[in-house]
Amino acid sequence: MKRFLVFSGSSYYARGGWLDFKGAFASVAEAEAWTAANVEKPEVDYSQEWWQVVDAESGLIVAGQDGSYSGNLGDLPFDPLKN
C-alpha cells in the first residue's frame, strides 16, 4: 500500500471517513500534485472545499487545506488524536 492517503470533500455536505478517500500516493509531493490537478479547482467542482494528506504510517495529517478563508490547518504535521 502507498503511504500517503488523500481525503477531500465539502464542508457543507461532509460524508466523512473513507467516503472522502480519493487515492494513495508514494510521496507527499505526488499527493499534493494530484490535489492541485483534481481538488483545488472550485470553478470546476465546488464540492471539494478541503483536502488532507495523511501519512498512513504515523496517522498524522502532513499537508492540506481546511476550506476556511485562510486555508490553514495550523501547524503540520497535525495529530487529530491529540487535538
C-alpha atoms as a PDB file:
ATOM      1  CA  MET A   1       0.000   0.000   0.000  1.00  0.00           C
ATOM      2  CA  LYS A   2       1.191   3.503  -0.787  1.00  0.00           C
ATOM      3  CA  ARG A   3       1.977   5.582   2.275  1.00  0.00           C
ATOM      4  CA  PHE A   4       0.237   8.934   1.708  1.00  0.00           C
ATOM      5  CA  LEU A   5      -3.557   8.984   1.583  1.00  0.00           C
ATOM      6  CA  VAL A   6      -5.594  11.866   0.149  1.00  0.00           C
ATOM      7  CA  PHE A   7      -9.006  12.774   1.534  1.00  0.00           C
ATOM      8  CA  SER A   8     -11.142  15.670   0.298  1.00  0.00           C
ATOM      9  CA  GLY A   9     -14.690  16.876   0.355  1.00  0.00           C
ATOM     10  CA  SER A  10     -17.244  19.508   1.070  1.00  0.00           C
ATOM     11  CA  SER A  11     -17.594  21.269   4.397  1.00  0.00           C
ATOM     12  CA  TYR A  12     -21.329  21.615   3.861  1.00  0.00           C
ATOM     13  CA  TYR A  13     -22.041  18.051   2.690  1.00  0.00           C
ATOM     14  CA  ALA A  14     -19.420  16.216   4.660  1.00  0.00           C
ATOM     15  CA  ARG A  15     -19.540  12.434   4.261  1.00  0.00           C
ATOM     16  CA  GLY A  16     -16.538  11.635   6.393  1.00  0.00           C
ATOM     17  CA  GLY A  17     -14.024   8.882   6.770  1.00  0.00           C
ATOM     18  CA  TRP A  18     -13.306   6.531   3.906  1.00  0.00           C
ATOM     19  CA  LEU A  19     -16.127   8.031   1.830  1.00  0.00           C
ATOM     20  CA  ASP A  20     -13.863  11.083   1.393  1.00  0.00           C
ATOM     21  CA  PHE A  21     -10.846   8.956   0.357  1.00  0.00           C
ATOM     22  CA  LYS A  22      -9.515   9.914  -3.082  1.00  0.00           C
ATOM     23  CA  GLY A  23      -6.329   7.883  -3.504  1.00  0.00           C
ATOM     24  CA  ALA A  24      -2.955   6.707  -2.198  1.00  0.00           C
ATOM     25  CA  PHE A  25       0.415   8.043  -3.297  1.00  0.00           C
ATOM     26  CA  ALA A  26       4.084   7.204  -2.797  1.00  0.00           C
ATOM     27  CA  SER A  27       5.093  10.703  -1.619  1.00  0.00           C
ATOM     28  CA  VAL A  28       3.617  13.899  -0.195  1.00  0.00           C
ATOM     29  CA  ALA A  29       4.722  15.732  -3.342  1.00  0.00           C
ATOM     30  CA  GLU A  30       2.842  13.258  -5.538  1.00  0.00           C
ATOM     31  CA  ALA A  31      -0.274  13.591  -3.359  1.00  0.00           C
ATOM     32  CA  GLU A  32      -0.108  17.403  -3.423  1.00  0.00           C
ATOM     33  CA  ALA A  33       0.354  17.400  -7.201  1.00  0.00           C
ATOM     34  CA  TRP A  34      -2.759  15.248  -7.533  1.00  0.00           C
ATOM     35  CA  THR A  35      -4.786  17.608  -5.326  1.00  0.00           C
ATOM     36  CA  ALA A  36      -3.597  20.624  -7.346  1.00  0.00           C
ATOM     37  CA  ALA A  37      -4.802  18.942 -10.525  1.00  0.00           C
ATOM     38  CA  ASN A  38      -8.017  17.430  -9.169  1.00  0.00           C
ATOM     39  CA  VAL A  39      -9.229  19.095  -5.973  1.00  0.00           C
ATOM     40  CA  GLU A  40      -8.126  22.736  -5.917  1.00  0.00           C
ATOM     41  CA  LYS A  41     -10.433  23.756  -8.750  1.00  0.00           C
ATOM     42  CA  PRO A  42     -13.518  25.390  -7.239  1.00  0.00           C
ATOM     43  CA  GLU A  43     -14.560  26.669 -10.655  1.00  0.00           C
ATOM     44  CA  VAL A  44     -14.843  23.041 -11.804  1.00  0.00           C
ATOM     45  CA  ASP A  45     -16.014  21.225  -8.675  1.00  0.00           C
ATOM     46  CA  TYR A  46     -17.154  23.479  -5.836  1.00  0.00           C
ATOM     47  CA  SER A  47     -17.843  20.420  -3.667  1.00  0.00           C
ATOM     48  CA  GLN A  48     -14.145  19.932  -2.911  1.00  0.00           C
ATOM     49  CA  GLU A  49     -13.577  22.623  -0.270  1.00  0.00           C
ATOM     50  CA  TRP A  50     -10.910  20.917   1.810  1.00  0.00           C
ATOM     51  CA  TRP A  51      -8.232  18.277   1.401  1.00  0.00           C
ATOM     52  CA  GLN A  52      -5.762  16.429   3.624  1.00  0.00           C
ATOM     53  CA  VAL A  53      -2.784  14.192   3.047  1.00  0.00           C
ATOM     54  CA  VAL A  54      -2.477  11.594   5.808  1.00  0.00           C
ATOM     55  CA  ASP A  55       0.708   9.631   6.471  1.00  0.00           C
ATOM     56  CA  ALA A  56      -0.600   6.059   6.788  1.00  0.00           C
ATOM     57  CA  GLU A  57       2.401   5.040   8.911  1.00  0.00           C
ATOM     58  CA  SER A  58       2.143   7.767  11.566  1.00  0.00           C
ATOM     59  CA  GLY A  59      -1.540   8.715  11.250  1.00  0.00           C
ATOM     60  CA  LEU A  60      -0.583  12.400  11.040  1.00  0.00           C
ATOM     61  CA  ILE A  61      -2.042  14.954   8.640  1.00  0.00           C
ATOM     62  CA  VAL A  62       1.079  16.122   6.813  1.00  0.00           C
ATOM     63  CA  ALA A  63      -0.464  18.511   4.268  1.00  0.00           C
ATOM     64  CA  GLY A  64      -3.809  20.031   3.484  1.00  0.00           C
ATOM     65  CA  GLN A  65      -6.209  22.887   3.205  1.00  0.00           C
ATOM     66  CA  ASP A  66      -9.121  23.166   5.585  1.00  0.00           C
ATOM     67  CA  GLY A  67     -11.605  25.021   3.415  1.00  0.00           C
ATOM     68  CA  SER A  68     -11.706  28.148   5.553  1.00  0.00           C
ATOM     69  CA  TYR A  69     -10.855  31.520   4.098  1.00  0.00           C
ATOM     70  CA  SER A  70      -7.318  31.185   5.460  1.00  0.00           C
ATOM     71  CA  GLY A  71      -6.955  27.635   4.148  1.00  0.00           C
ATOM     72  CA  ASN A  72      -4.716  26.873   7.109  1.00  0.00           C
ATOM     73  CA  LEU A  73      -4.789  23.699   9.174  1.00  0.00           C
ATOM     74  CA  GLY A  74      -2.314  25.170  11.628  1.00  0.00           C
ATOM     75  CA  ASP A  75       0.968  23.530  12.466  1.00  0.00           C
ATOM     76  CA  LEU A  76       1.755  20.438  10.413  1.00  0.00           C
ATOM     77  CA  PRO A  77       2.115  17.598  10.961  1.00  0.00           C
ATOM     78  CA  PHE A  78      -1.219  17.644  12.791  1.00  0.00           C
ATOM     79  CA  ASP A  79      -2.197  14.818  15.116  1.00  0.00           C
ATOM     80  CA  PRO A  80      -6.020  14.572  15.199  1.00  0.00           C
ATOM     81  CA  LEU A  81      -5.853  12.278  18.234  1.00  0.00           C
ATOM     82  CA  LYS A  82      -4.146  14.953  20.354  1.00  0.00           C
ATOM     83  CA  ASN A  83      -6.207  17.960  19.221  1.00  0.00           C
END
